[in-house]
Structure formats: C-alpha cells, structure tokens
C-alpha cells in the first residue's frame, strides 16, 4: 500500500525501521562508551570490579599472614605448658589449628577490606581527575595515585 508521495504507510515497516535505528544508536553509544572508558569499561562497572579484585587479593594475603601470626602467637602463649601425652598433643594441635584458621579468616577479612577501600579510593580519584581535566591520560592516573598515597 503506497500513498501519493510514494512513502510506505505500512505500520510494520515503520516499526521495524524505528527498532533498527534504536539498535544502531545503542551500538554506536556502547562503542563510544567503550572507546572513551579506561579498560574499555565504564566507571560504574570498573569501580566494583576493581574493589572486588582488591578484596580477593587482600584477603588471600591476609589469610596467609594472619594464620601464620596466629599460629606463632598460640605457640608462644602455650609454650609454658606443653602436653606430655599423645592425647594431649592431639588436643594441642587441634586447638592450634582452630586458632590458626580463625586468625587467618579474621586477618583476611580485615586486609581484604583495607585493600578494597584503598583500591576504590584510587579508581575514584582517577575518575575525578578524568572529569576535572576533561581527558583520560596517564597524568590523571598519576594524580589519582598521588592523592591516594598522600591520604595513606
């Protein structure tokens, strides 16, 4: 069905053209967002990702350090009353392992949170410098790093 000017008045064709135009516009804006974002990720995705990676890294380091420190602390606190029987040694090591695991988890959570907060602060400071200067370059990264290091 054609009208006098030769323009299609079919509603299905018009609807498909609008959908195609919207899809093309979304692809173009997503491509532009990826090109203009650091790590090809927008800030709203980059910040929680970096904080999560920081938490995992910090907690893995904290678990190792905390469990070692807890084991040494337990040994020092109980060195004056070491067991003498096989059952006593079994219970000593069982208790030591419990304290070691608990100390590792506590220090892991503490260190993970600490590293996560500092990582989020760095990425936020970097984004603030990006917005303030109006461009994304290495100077903003240096400024964000120096700002967070100064706050530390």
Foldseek 3Di string as FASTA:
>chain_A
DADDVRDDPDPVVVVVVVVVVVVVVVVVVLVVCLVQDVVSDDLVVVLVVQLVVLLVVQLVVQLVVQLVVQLVVLCVVCVVPQDDDPVSNVVSVVVSNVSSNVRSNVRSNVRSNVRSVLRSQLSVQLVVLCVVVVGHDVVSSVRSVVVSVVVD
